Amino acid sequence: MTVLSRENKNITIMVVPHSQKPPVSFKFSLVFLQCVGFILIFVPILLVSFFNSYNSAKAVFPELEQLRLDNQIKSELIGQLANETEKMLENLKRVQNLEQELLELNDMEGPGPEPVTPTTQKDPPSFRSYLATREYTSIDRTVSGIEVLQESLPEQEDRMSNLKENIEEQQRRAAAIPSRWPTWGKITARFGWRTHPITRVRDFHPAIDIAGPNIYGRPVYATGTGKVTFAGRRSTYGNLIIINHGYGYETYYAHLSKIKVKAGDAVKGGTVIGYVGSTGRSTAPHLHYEVHHWGKAVNPVKYLP
């Protein structure tokens, strides 16, 4: 049997057994019982709310894990991209060094890469040292490197294109300059004033004569790349070939026994264009070879190897 009594702010609970044992009483404060009641009411509510929240969070966990994995993969890719960007910057620097070497090898001058300060982020050589002075994430490194490449690559492409054109022009010029022997033999008459072997009159010889034993019929070679502007017989020259090499150069090959080309033909240095003879005003088989520069006869010897 339970008996409740209330005295002031305390509550006494008395338990009276059905046996002969004495009753047992428990005394509690009203505040304590209120707290116990509060706990008994709200704890289940809190547990239910926690359980619901846990279930909701548990449902989101796979998505969060997937996001974490995605971010990890993207971070690794960004890091790889940053490394590749730095490699591209190093390659750009090597290309610039190669450009400078080509300029030096071909005795050419070029503007080269524009000198800039590190803060402009334009100079690939200083890119690493610039990054070393600051705290950079992979994204910062990548963005900075791409900015450098975006600004430097078009300029580098233009310089390399100009360099290619200049080298090709230099090669064309070198191929055009009459720098080969037109035939093999001995120089028997030099460029300059002499006594003409036929007229015995002192005159100016605008060529060199190449002769030698068994030279008749020996091949005559174009001494540089060019275009045949004349191939035929002309007065004292006999059978004559004239080649325009461009850059102001022309060469004359006279007294030929046979002509192998015609006007309008394009020839390269070393092409057989005719054969040594003794046509025209000539005392013996030989090759009369002239070099003209901008219309003026010059000494061919200065161009021979």
C-alpha atoms as a PDB file:
ATOM      1  CA  MET A   1       0.000   0.000   0.000  1.00  0.00           C
ATOM      2  CA  THR A   2       1.323   3.400  -0.894  1.00  0.00           C
ATOM      3  CA  VAL A   3       0.503   6.535   1.073  1.00  0.00           C
ATOM      4  CA  LEU A   4       1.279   9.980  -0.217  1.00  0.00           C
ATOM      5  CA  SER A   5       1.633  12.916   2.128  1.00  0.00           C
ATOM      6  CA  ARG A   6       2.701  16.473   1.441  1.00  0.00           C
ATOM      7  CA  GLU A   7       4.404  18.634   3.952  1.00  0.00           C
ATOM      8  CA  ASN A   8       5.508  22.074   2.799  1.00  0.00           C
ATOM      9  CA  LYS A   9       7.575  21.412  -0.334  1.00  0.00           C
ATOM     10  CA  ASN A  10       8.351  17.777   0.441  1.00  0.00           C
ATOM     11  CA  ILE A  11       6.469  14.688  -0.506  1.00  0.00           C
ATOM     12  CA  THR A  12       6.539  11.526   1.590  1.00  0.00           C
ATOM     13  CA  ILE A  13       5.725   8.195   0.034  1.00  0.00           C
ATOM     14  CA  MET A  14       4.800   5.456   2.508  1.00  0.00           C
ATOM     15  CA  VAL A  15       4.671   1.829   1.489  1.00  0.00           C
ATOM     16  CA  VAL A  16       2.527  -0.382   3.775  1.00  0.00           C
ATOM     17  CA  PRO A  17       3.070  -4.079   3.113  1.00  0.00           C
ATOM     18  CA  HIS A  18       0.193  -6.602   3.545  1.00  0.00           C
ATOM     19  CA  SER A  19       2.386  -8.613   5.870  1.00  0.00           C
ATOM     20  CA  GLN A  20       3.101  -7.803   9.493  1.00  0.00           C
ATOM     21  CA  LYS A  21       6.217  -5.856   8.529  1.00  0.00           C
ATOM     22  CA  PRO A  22       6.310  -2.188   9.422  1.00  0.00           C
ATOM     23  CA  PRO A  23       5.551   0.370   6.703  1.00  0.00           C
ATOM     24  CA  VAL A  24       8.409   1.949   4.740  1.00  0.00           C
ATOM     25  CA  SER A  25       8.401   5.640   3.947  1.00  0.00           C
ATOM     26  CA  PHE A  26      10.375   7.651   1.316  1.00  0.00           C
ATOM     27  CA  LYS A  27      10.708  11.391   1.530  1.00  0.00           C
ATOM     28  CA  PHE A  28      11.398  13.436  -1.651  1.00  0.00           C
ATOM     29  CA  SER A  29      11.532  17.123  -2.341  1.00  0.00           C
ATOM     30  CA  LEU A  30       9.007  18.522  -4.758  1.00  0.00           C
ATOM     31  CA  VAL A  31      11.805  19.980  -6.957  1.00  0.00           C
ATOM     32  CA  PHE A  32      13.447  16.575  -7.276  1.00  0.00           C
ATOM     33  CA  LEU A  33      10.204  14.946  -8.377  1.00  0.00           C
ATOM     34  CA  GLN A  34       9.589  17.730 -10.875  1.00  0.00           C
ATOM     35  CA  CYS A  35      13.067  17.209 -12.329  1.00  0.00           C
ATOM     36  CA  VAL A  36      12.478  13.477 -12.565  1.00  0.00           C
ATOM     37  CA  GLY A  37       9.179  14.095 -14.305  1.00  0.00           C
ATOM     38  CA  PHE A  38      10.803  16.530 -16.699  1.00  0.00           C
ATOM     39  CA  ILE A  39      13.498  14.005 -17.530  1.00  0.00           C
ATOM     40  CA  LEU A  40      10.970  11.220 -18.034  1.00  0.00           C
ATOM     41  CA  ILE A  41       8.996  13.373 -20.436  1.00  0.00           C
ATOM     42  CA  PHE A  42      11.722  15.162 -22.450  1.00  0.00           C
ATOM     43  CA  VAL A  43      14.483  12.546 -22.627  1.00  0.00           C
ATOM     44  CA  PRO A  44      12.386  10.243 -24.837  1.00  0.00           C
ATOM     45  CA  ILE A  45      11.576  13.224 -27.033  1.00  0.00           C
ATOM     46  CA  LEU A  46      15.282  14.080 -27.300  1.00  0.00           C
ATOM     47  CA  LEU A  47      16.168  10.478 -28.046  1.00  0.00           C
ATOM     48  CA  VAL A  48      13.576  10.319 -30.790  1.00  0.00           C
ATOM     49  CA  SER A  49      14.854  13.613 -32.275  1.00  0.00           C
ATOM     50  CA  PHE A  50      18.469  12.402 -32.113  1.00  0.00           C
ATOM     51  CA  PHE A  51      17.523   9.121 -33.739  1.00  0.00           C
ATOM     52  CA  ASN A  52      15.740  10.948 -36.552  1.00  0.00           C
ATOM     53  CA  SER A  53      18.674  13.334 -37.031  1.00  0.00           C
ATOM     54  CA  TYR A  54      21.122  10.426 -37.036  1.00  0.00           C
ATOM     55  CA  ASN A  55      19.109   8.615 -39.676  1.00  0.00           C
ATOM     56  CA  SER A  56      19.000  11.786 -41.815  1.00  0.00           C
ATOM     57  CA  ALA A  57      22.746  12.327 -41.431  1.00  0.00           C
ATOM     58  CA  LYS A  58      23.407   8.663 -42.135  1.00  0.00           C
ATOM     59  CA  ALA A  59      21.547   9.009 -45.425  1.00  0.00           C
ATOM     60  CA  VAL A  60      23.808  11.970 -46.377  1.00  0.00           C
ATOM     61  CA  PHE A  61      27.061  10.197 -45.439  1.00  0.00           C
ATOM     62  CA  PRO A  62      27.484   8.434 -48.831  1.00  0.00           C
ATOM     63  CA  GLU A  63      27.038  11.746 -50.644  1.00  0.00           C
ATOM     64  CA  LEU A  64      29.562  13.441 -48.352  1.00  0.00           C
ATOM     65  CA  GLU A  65      32.029  10.592 -48.852  1.00  0.00           C
ATOM     66  CA  GLN A  66      31.580  10.837 -52.612  1.00  0.00           C
ATOM     67  CA  LEU A  67      32.169  14.587 -52.459  1.00  0.00           C
ATOM     68  CA  ARG A  68      35.284  13.986 -50.394  1.00  0.00           C
ATOM     69  CA  LEU A  69      36.595  11.500 -52.958  1.00  0.00           C
ATOM     70  CA  ASP A  70      35.740  13.855 -55.812  1.00  0.00           C
ATOM     71  CA  ASN A  71      37.568  16.728 -54.113  1.00  0.00           C
ATOM     72  CA  GLN A  72      40.567  14.493 -53.492  1.00  0.00           C
ATOM     73  CA  ILE A  73      40.696  13.428 -57.152  1.00  0.00           C
ATOM     74  CA  LYS A  74      40.287  17.022 -58.336  1.00  0.00           C
ATOM     75  CA  SER A  75      43.036  18.177 -55.979  1.00  0.00           C
ATOM     76  CA  GLU A  76      45.362  15.534 -57.384  1.00  0.00           C
ATOM     77  CA  LEU A  77      44.470  16.535 -60.944  1.00  0.00           C
ATOM     78  CA  ILE A  78      45.072  20.201 -60.156  1.00  0.00           C
ATOM     79  CA  GLY A  79      48.439  19.272 -58.642  1.00  0.00           C
ATOM     80  CA  GLN A  80      49.346  17.319 -61.772  1.00  0.00           C
ATOM     81  CA  LEU A  81      48.223  20.225 -63.941  1.00  0.00           C
ATOM     82  CA  ALA A  82      50.390  22.595 -61.889  1.00  0.00           C
ATOM     83  CA  ASN A  83      53.405  20.316 -62.379  1.00  0.00           C
ATOM     84  CA  GLU A  84      52.726  20.030 -66.105  1.00  0.00           C
ATOM     85  CA  THR A  85      52.420  23.812 -66.325  1.00  0.00           C
ATOM     86  CA  GLU A  86      55.822  24.227 -64.709  1.00  0.00           C
ATOM     87  CA  LYS A  87      57.281  21.675 -67.131  1.00  0.00           C
ATOM     88  CA  MET A  88      55.831  23.687 -70.013  1.00  0.00           C
ATOM     89  CA  LEU A  89      57.466  26.806 -68.601  1.00  0.00           C
ATOM     90  CA  GLU A  90      60.780  24.966 -68.446  1.00  0.00           C
ATOM     91  CA  ASN A  91      60.292  23.821 -72.055  1.00  0.00           C
ATOM     92  CA  LEU A  92      59.538  27.411 -73.034  1.00  0.00           C
ATOM     93  CA  LYS A  93      62.814  28.487 -71.458  1.00  0.00           C
ATOM     94  CA  ARG A  94      64.680  25.785 -73.380  1.00  0.00           C
ATOM     95  CA  VAL A  95      63.057  26.992 -76.613  1.00  0.00           C
ATOM     96  CA  GLN A  96      64.211  30.524 -75.816  1.00  0.00           C
ATOM     97  CA  ASN A  97      67.743  29.260 -75.199  1.00  0.00           C
ATOM     98  CA  LEU A  98      67.609  27.368 -78.508  1.00  0.00           C
ATOM     99  CA  GLU A  99      66.433  30.535 -80.219  1.00  0.00           C
ATOM    100  CA  GLN A 100      69.438  32.410 -78.851  1.00  0.00           C
ATOM    101  CA  GLU A 101      71.804  29.646 -79.959  1.00  0.00           C
ATOM    102  CA  LEU A 102      70.344  29.699 -83.472  1.00  0.00           C
ATOM    103  CA  LEU A 103      70.778  33.458 -83.619  1.00  0.00           C
ATOM    104  CA  GLU A 104      74.401  33.129 -82.588  1.00  0.00           C
ATOM    105  CA  LEU A 105      75.107  30.248 -84.985  1.00  0.00           C
ATOM    106  CA  ASN A 106      73.703  32.233 -87.895  1.00  0.00           C
ATOM    107  CA  ASP A 107      75.384  35.518 -86.847  1.00  0.00           C
ATOM    108  CA  MET A 108      71.996  37.121 -86.475  1.00  0.00           C
ATOM    109  CA  GLU A 109      70.598  39.552 -83.974  1.00  0.00           C
ATOM    110  CA  GLY A 110      67.174  39.270 -82.442  1.00  0.00           C
ATOM    111  CA  PRO A 111      65.136  41.016 -79.764  1.00  0.00           C
ATOM    112  CA  GLY A 112      64.974  37.889 -77.582  1.00  0.00           C
ATOM    113  CA  PRO A 113      62.556  37.566 -74.652  1.00  0.00           C
ATOM    114  CA  GLU A 114      61.499  40.868 -73.119  1.00  0.00           C
ATOM    115  CA  PRO A 115      63.099  41.370 -69.689  1.00  0.00           C
ATOM    116  CA  VAL A 116      60.424  41.738 -67.018  1.00  0.00           C
ATOM    117  CA  THR A 117      60.282  41.838 -63.258  1.00  0.00           C
ATOM    118  CA  PRO A 118      58.972  38.835 -61.322  1.00  0.00           C
ATOM    119  CA  THR A 119      55.858  40.672 -60.208  1.00  0.00           C
ATOM    120  CA  THR A 120      54.650  40.874 -63.818  1.00  0.00           C
ATOM    121  CA  GLN A 121      54.703  37.061 -63.999  1.00  0.00           C
ATOM    122  CA  LYS A 122      55.896  37.233 -67.600  1.00  0.00           C
ATOM    123  CA  ASP A 123      59.412  35.902 -67.301  1.00  0.00           C
ATOM    124  CA  PRO A 124      59.490  32.089 -67.266  1.00  0.00           C
ATOM    125  CA  PRO A 125      63.058  31.886 -65.829  1.00  0.00           C
ATOM    126  CA  SER A 126      62.005  33.753 -62.651  1.00  0.00           C
ATOM    127  CA  PHE A 127      58.671  31.946 -62.249  1.00  0.00           C
ATOM    128  CA  ARG A 128      59.935  29.304 -59.801  1.00  0.00           C
ATOM    129  CA  SER A 129      61.853  31.810 -57.676  1.00  0.00           C
ATOM    130  CA  TYR A 130      58.757  34.016 -57.611  1.00  0.00           C
ATOM    131  CA  LEU A 131      56.605  31.147 -56.371  1.00  0.00           C
ATOM    132  CA  ALA A 132      59.228  30.174 -53.783  1.00  0.00           C
ATOM    133  CA  THR A 133      58.805  33.534 -52.044  1.00  0.00           C
ATOM    134  CA  ARG A 134      55.077  33.073 -51.449  1.00  0.00           C
ATOM    135  CA  GLU A 135      52.565  30.557 -50.156  1.00  0.00           C
ATOM    136  CA  TYR A 136      50.960  29.104 -53.243  1.00  0.00           C
ATOM    137  CA  THR A 137      48.287  26.462 -53.598  1.00  0.00           C
ATOM    138  CA  SER A 138      48.195  24.169 -56.611  1.00  0.00           C
ATOM    139  CA  ILE A 139      45.468  26.332 -58.120  1.00  0.00           C
ATOM    140  CA  ASP A 140      47.606  29.476 -57.630  1.00  0.00           C
ATOM    141  CA  ARG A 141      50.563  27.764 -59.272  1.00  0.00           C
ATOM    142  CA  THR A 142      48.477  26.586 -62.168  1.00  0.00           C
ATOM    143  CA  VAL A 143      46.744  29.911 -62.771  1.00  0.00           C
ATOM    144  CA  SER A 144      50.024  31.844 -62.517  1.00  0.00           C
ATOM    145  CA  GLY A 145      51.778  29.425 -64.880  1.00  0.00           C
ATOM    146  CA  ILE A 146      48.960  29.566 -67.411  1.00  0.00           C
ATOM    147  CA  GLU A 147      49.054  33.381 -67.341  1.00  0.00           C
ATOM    148  CA  VAL A 148      52.785  33.272 -68.083  1.00  0.00           C
ATOM    149  CA  LEU A 149      52.261  30.837 -70.950  1.00  0.00           C
ATOM    150  CA  GLN A 150      49.351  32.815 -72.383  1.00  0.00           C
ATOM    151  CA  GLU A 151      51.501  35.929 -72.570  1.00  0.00           C
ATOM    152  CA  SER A 152      54.818  34.334 -73.517  1.00  0.00           C
ATOM    153  CA  LEU A 153      53.827  31.683 -76.065  1.00  0.00           C
ATOM    154  CA  PRO A 154      52.344  34.029 -78.719  1.00  0.00           C
ATOM    155  CA  GLU A 155      55.411  36.275 -78.467  1.00  0.00           C
ATOM    156  CA  GLN A 156      57.722  33.267 -78.633  1.00  0.00           C
ATOM    157  CA  GLU A 157      55.830  31.896 -81.633  1.00  0.00           C
ATOM    158  CA  ASP A 158      56.215  35.213 -83.476  1.00  0.00           C
ATOM    159  CA  ARG A 159      59.938  35.342 -82.701  1.00  0.00           C
ATOM    160  CA  MET A 160      60.486  31.743 -83.805  1.00  0.00           C
ATOM    161  CA  SER A 161      58.493  32.372 -86.995  1.00  0.00           C
ATOM    162  CA  ASN A 162      60.628  35.432 -87.753  1.00  0.00           C
ATOM    163  CA  LEU A 163      63.771  33.487 -86.932  1.00  0.00           C
ATOM    164  CA  LYS A 164      62.695  30.684 -89.286  1.00  0.00           C
ATOM    165  CA  GLU A 165      62.073  33.187 -92.075  1.00  0.00           C
ATOM    166  CA  ASN A 166      65.422  34.881 -91.456  1.00  0.00           C
ATOM    167  CA  ILE A 167      67.319  31.592 -91.443  1.00  0.00           C
ATOM    168  CA  GLU A 168      65.550  30.437 -94.613  1.00  0.00           C
ATOM    169  CA  GLU A 169      66.365  33.767 -96.246  1.00  0.00           C
ATOM    170  CA  GLN A 170      69.975  33.434 -95.135  1.00  0.00           C
ATOM    171  CA  GLN A 171      70.084  29.903 -96.557  1.00  0.00           C
ATOM    172  CA  ARG A 172      68.603  31.105 -99.850  1.00  0.00           C
ATOM    173  CA  ARG A 173      71.144  33.876 -99.986  1.00  0.00           C
ATOM    174  CA  ALA A 174      74.007  31.525 -99.167  1.00  0.00           C
ATOM    175  CA  ALA A 175      72.823  29.079-101.860  1.00  0.00           C
ATOM    176  CA  ALA A 176      72.502  31.897-104.399  1.00  0.00           C
ATOM    177  CA  ILE A 177      75.940  33.437-103.896  1.00  0.00           C
ATOM    178  CA  PRO A 178      78.260  31.958-106.587  1.00  0.00           C
ATOM    179  CA  SER A 179      80.638  30.187-104.229  1.00  0.00           C
ATOM    180  CA  ARG A 180      81.582  27.018-106.200  1.00  0.00           C
ATOM    181  CA  TRP A 181      84.185  26.285-108.821  1.00  0.00           C
ATOM    182  CA  PRO A 182      82.438  26.238-112.227  1.00  0.00           C
ATOM    183  CA  THR A 183      84.823  23.522-113.440  1.00  0.00           C
ATOM    184  CA  TRP A 184      88.098  21.944-112.419  1.00  0.00           C
ATOM    185  CA  GLY A 185      91.340  23.285-113.806  1.00  0.00           C
ATOM    186  CA  LYS A 186      93.953  25.993-113.400  1.00  0.00           C
ATOM    187  CA  ILE A 187      93.367  29.724-113.561  1.00  0.00           C
ATOM    188  CA  THR A 188      95.317  30.803-116.646  1.00  0.00           C
ATOM    189  CA  ALA A 189      94.069  34.393-116.857  1.00  0.00           C
ATOM    190  CA  ARG A 190      93.125  36.462-113.846  1.00  0.00           C
ATOM    191  CA  PHE A 191      90.638  39.249-113.256  1.00  0.00           C
ATOM    192  CA  GLY A 192      91.998  42.713-114.115  1.00  0.00           C
ATOM    193  CA  TRP A 193      94.123  44.542-116.645  1.00  0.00           C
ATOM    194  CA  ARG A 194      96.138  42.459-119.116  1.00  0.00           C
ATOM    195  CA  THR A 195      97.387  42.308-122.689  1.00  0.00           C
ATOM    196  CA  HIS A 196      94.775  40.570-124.817  1.00  0.00           C
ATOM    197  CA  PRO A 197      96.211  37.322-126.224  1.00  0.00           C
ATOM    198  CA  ILE A 198      94.676  37.916-129.660  1.00  0.00           C
ATOM    199  CA  THR A 199      94.584  41.690-130.209  1.00  0.00           C
ATOM    200  CA  ARG A 200      97.732  42.258-128.124  1.00  0.00           C
ATOM    201  CA  VAL A 201      96.041  45.413-126.845  1.00  0.00           C
ATOM    202  CA  ARG A 202      95.946  46.190-123.141  1.00  0.00           C
ATOM    203  CA  ASP A 203      92.393  45.734-121.912  1.00  0.00           C
ATOM    204  CA  PHE A 204      90.434  44.887-118.785  1.00  0.00           C
ATOM    205  CA  HIS A 205      89.623  41.196-118.300  1.00  0.00           C
ATOM    206  CA  PRO A 206      86.331  41.033-116.290  1.00  0.00           C
ATOM    207  CA  ALA A 207      86.645  37.319-115.568  1.00  0.00           C
ATOM    208  CA  ILE A 208      88.958  34.435-114.818  1.00  0.00           C
ATOM    209  CA  ASP A 209      89.896  31.815-117.413  1.00  0.00           C
ATOM    210  CA  ILE A 210      90.097  28.200-116.266  1.00  0.00           C
ATOM    211  CA  ALA A 211      92.049  25.783-118.441  1.00  0.00           C
ATOM    212  CA  GLY A 212      94.140  22.642-118.205  1.00  0.00           C
ATOM    213  CA  PRO A 213      95.072  19.415-119.969  1.00  0.00           C
ATOM    214  CA  ASN A 214      92.133  17.542-121.466  1.00  0.00           C
ATOM    215  CA  ILE A 215      89.702  20.223-120.257  1.00  0.00           C
ATOM    216  CA  TYR A 216      87.721  20.244-123.500  1.00  0.00           C
ATOM    217  CA  GLY A 217      84.279  18.734-122.896  1.00  0.00           C
ATOM    218  CA  ARG A 218      84.634  18.833-119.106  1.00  0.00           C
ATOM    219  CA  PRO A 219      81.299  19.591-117.321  1.00  0.00           C
ATOM    220  CA  VAL A 220      80.564  23.171-116.309  1.00  0.00           C
ATOM    221  CA  TYR A 221      78.529  23.632-113.120  1.00  0.00           C
ATOM    222  CA  ALA A 222      76.244  26.418-111.930  1.00  0.00           C
ATOM    223  CA  THR A 223      78.071  28.086-109.065  1.00  0.00           C
ATOM    224  CA  GLY A 224      74.900  28.944-107.174  1.00  0.00           C
ATOM    225  CA  THR A 225      71.130  28.648-107.181  1.00  0.00           C
ATOM    226  CA  GLY A 226      69.448  30.832-109.758  1.00  0.00           C
ATOM    227  CA  LYS A 227      67.558  31.162-113.011  1.00  0.00           C
ATOM    228  CA  VAL A 228      69.014  30.949-116.509  1.00  0.00           C
ATOM    229  CA  THR A 229      68.375  34.263-118.267  1.00  0.00           C
ATOM    230  CA  PHE A 230      70.400  33.569-121.410  1.00  0.00           C
ATOM    231  CA  ALA A 231      71.607  30.392-123.101  1.00  0.00           C
ATOM    232  CA  GLY A 232      72.928  30.703-126.662  1.00  0.00           C
ATOM    233  CA  ARG A 233      75.606  32.201-128.836  1.00  0.00           C
ATOM    234  CA  ARG A 234      76.751  35.771-128.260  1.00  0.00           C
ATOM    235  CA  SER A 235      79.532  37.520-130.184  1.00  0.00           C
ATOM    236  CA  THR A 236      83.014  37.001-128.786  1.00  0.00           C
ATOM    237  CA  TYR A 237      81.661  34.926-125.884  1.00  0.00           C
ATOM    238  CA  GLY A 238      80.751  32.092-128.222  1.00  0.00           C
ATOM    239  CA  ASN A 239      78.307  29.754-126.510  1.00  0.00           C
ATOM    240  CA  LEU A 240      77.270  31.625-123.381  1.00  0.00           C
ATOM    241  CA  ILE A 241      75.093  30.953-120.347  1.00  0.00           C
ATOM    242  CA  ILE A 242      74.029  33.741-117.992  1.00  0.00           C
ATOM    243  CA  ILE A 243      72.458  32.890-114.614  1.00  0.00           C
ATOM    244  CA  ASN A 244      70.675  35.406-112.403  1.00  0.00           C
ATOM    245  CA  HIS A 245      71.140  34.321-108.778  1.00  0.00           C
ATOM    246  CA  GLY A 246      69.188  37.133-107.174  1.00  0.00           C
ATOM    247  CA  TYR A 247      70.576  39.435-104.491  1.00  0.00           C
ATOM    248  CA  GLY A 248      72.301  41.350-107.299  1.00  0.00           C
ATOM    249  CA  TYR A 249      74.453  38.434-108.501  1.00  0.00           C
ATOM    250  CA  GLU A 250      74.876  37.183-112.095  1.00  0.00           C
ATOM    251  CA  THR A 251      77.391  34.697-113.491  1.00  0.00           C
ATOM    252  CA  TYR A 252      78.645  34.251-117.078  1.00  0.00           C
ATOM    253  CA  TYR A 253      79.960  30.964-118.515  1.00  0.00           C
ATOM    254  CA  ALA A 254      81.503  31.497-121.977  1.00  0.00           C
ATOM    255  CA  HIS A 255      83.254  29.623-124.859  1.00  0.00           C
ATOM    256  CA  LEU A 256      81.204  26.487-124.128  1.00  0.00           C
ATOM    257  CA  SER A 257      81.290  23.574-126.527  1.00  0.00           C
ATOM    258  CA  LYS A 258      77.746  22.584-125.601  1.00  0.00           C
ATOM    259  CA  ILE A 259      74.858  24.147-123.674  1.00  0.00           C
ATOM    260  CA  LYS A 260      72.666  21.872-121.579  1.00  0.00           C
ATOM    261  CA  VAL A 261      70.079  24.373-120.269  1.00  0.00           C
ATOM    262  CA  LYS A 262      67.734  26.928-121.737  1.00  0.00           C
ATOM    263  CA  ALA A 263      66.532  30.377-120.708  1.00  0.00           C
ATOM    264  CA  GLY A 264      63.980  30.202-117.916  1.00  0.00           C
ATOM    265  CA  ASP A 265      65.399  27.060-116.300  1.00  0.00           C
ATOM    266  CA  ALA A 266      65.863  27.105-112.552  1.00  0.00           C
ATOM    267  CA  VAL A 267      69.176  25.587-111.490  1.00  0.00           C
ATOM    268  CA  LYS A 268      70.860  24.746-108.219  1.00  0.00           C
ATOM    269  CA  GLY A 269      74.492  25.084-107.320  1.00  0.00           C
ATOM    270  CA  GLY A 270      76.355  22.102-108.751  1.00  0.00           C
ATOM    271  CA  THR A 271      73.921  21.535-111.663  1.00  0.00           C
ATOM    272  CA  VAL A 272      75.681  20.693-114.939  1.00  0.00           C
ATOM    273  CA  ILE A 273      74.725  23.464-117.356  1.00  0.00           C
ATOM    274  CA  GLY A 274      77.194  22.885-120.210  1.00  0.00           C
ATOM    275  CA  TYR A 275      80.637  21.725-121.234  1.00  0.00           C
ATOM    276  CA  VAL A 276      84.003  23.437-121.690  1.00  0.00           C
ATOM    277  CA  GLY A 277      84.826  24.424-125.273  1.00  0.00           C
ATOM    278  CA  SER A 278      86.603  27.030-127.377  1.00  0.00           C
ATOM    279  CA  THR A 279      83.798  28.845-129.219  1.00  0.00           C
ATOM    280  CA  GLY A 280      83.859  32.601-129.886  1.00  0.00           C
ATOM    281  CA  ARG A 281      87.103  34.536-129.577  1.00  0.00           C
ATOM    282  CA  SER A 282      89.293  31.899-127.976  1.00  0.00           C
ATOM    283  CA  THR A 283      92.815  30.598-128.534  1.00  0.00           C
ATOM    284  CA  ALA A 284      92.336  27.239-126.790  1.00  0.00           C
ATOM    285  CA  PRO A 285      89.739  25.302-124.820  1.00  0.00           C
ATOM    286  CA  HIS A 286      88.980  27.042-121.543  1.00  0.00           C
ATOM    287  CA  LEU A 287      86.104  28.417-119.477  1.00  0.00           C
ATOM    288  CA  HIS A 288      85.638  32.163-119.299  1.00  0.00           C
ATOM    289  CA  TYR A 289      83.864  32.769-115.964  1.00  0.00           C
ATOM    290  CA  GLU A 290      82.488  36.135-114.834  1.00  0.00           C
ATOM    291  CA  VAL A 291      80.708  37.255-111.651  1.00  0.00           C
ATOM    292  CA  HIS A 292      78.631  40.448-111.673  1.00  0.00           C
ATOM    293  CA  HIS A 293      77.242  42.139-108.579  1.00  0.00           C
ATOM    294  CA  TRP A 294      74.595  44.786-109.152  1.00  0.00           C
ATOM    295  CA  GLY A 295      75.678  45.022-112.774  1.00  0.00           C
ATOM    296  CA  LYS A 296      79.382  45.452-112.057  1.00  0.00           C
ATOM    297  CA  ALA A 297      81.997  42.785-112.782  1.00  0.00           C
ATOM    298  CA  VAL A 298      83.807  41.648-109.624  1.00  0.00           C
ATOM    299  CA  ASN A 299      86.702  39.284-109.072  1.00  0.00           C
ATOM    300  CA  PRO A 300      85.299  35.712-109.063  1.00  0.00           C
ATOM    301  CA  VAL A 301      88.266  34.488-107.007  1.00  0.00           C
ATOM    302  CA  LYS A 302      86.909  36.156-103.847  1.00  0.00           C
ATOM    303  CA  TYR A 303      83.868  33.861-103.992  1.00  0.00           C
ATOM    304  CA  LEU A 304      85.715  30.600-104.661  1.00  0.00           C
ATOM    305  CA  PRO A 305      86.277  28.156-101.766  1.00  0.00           C
END
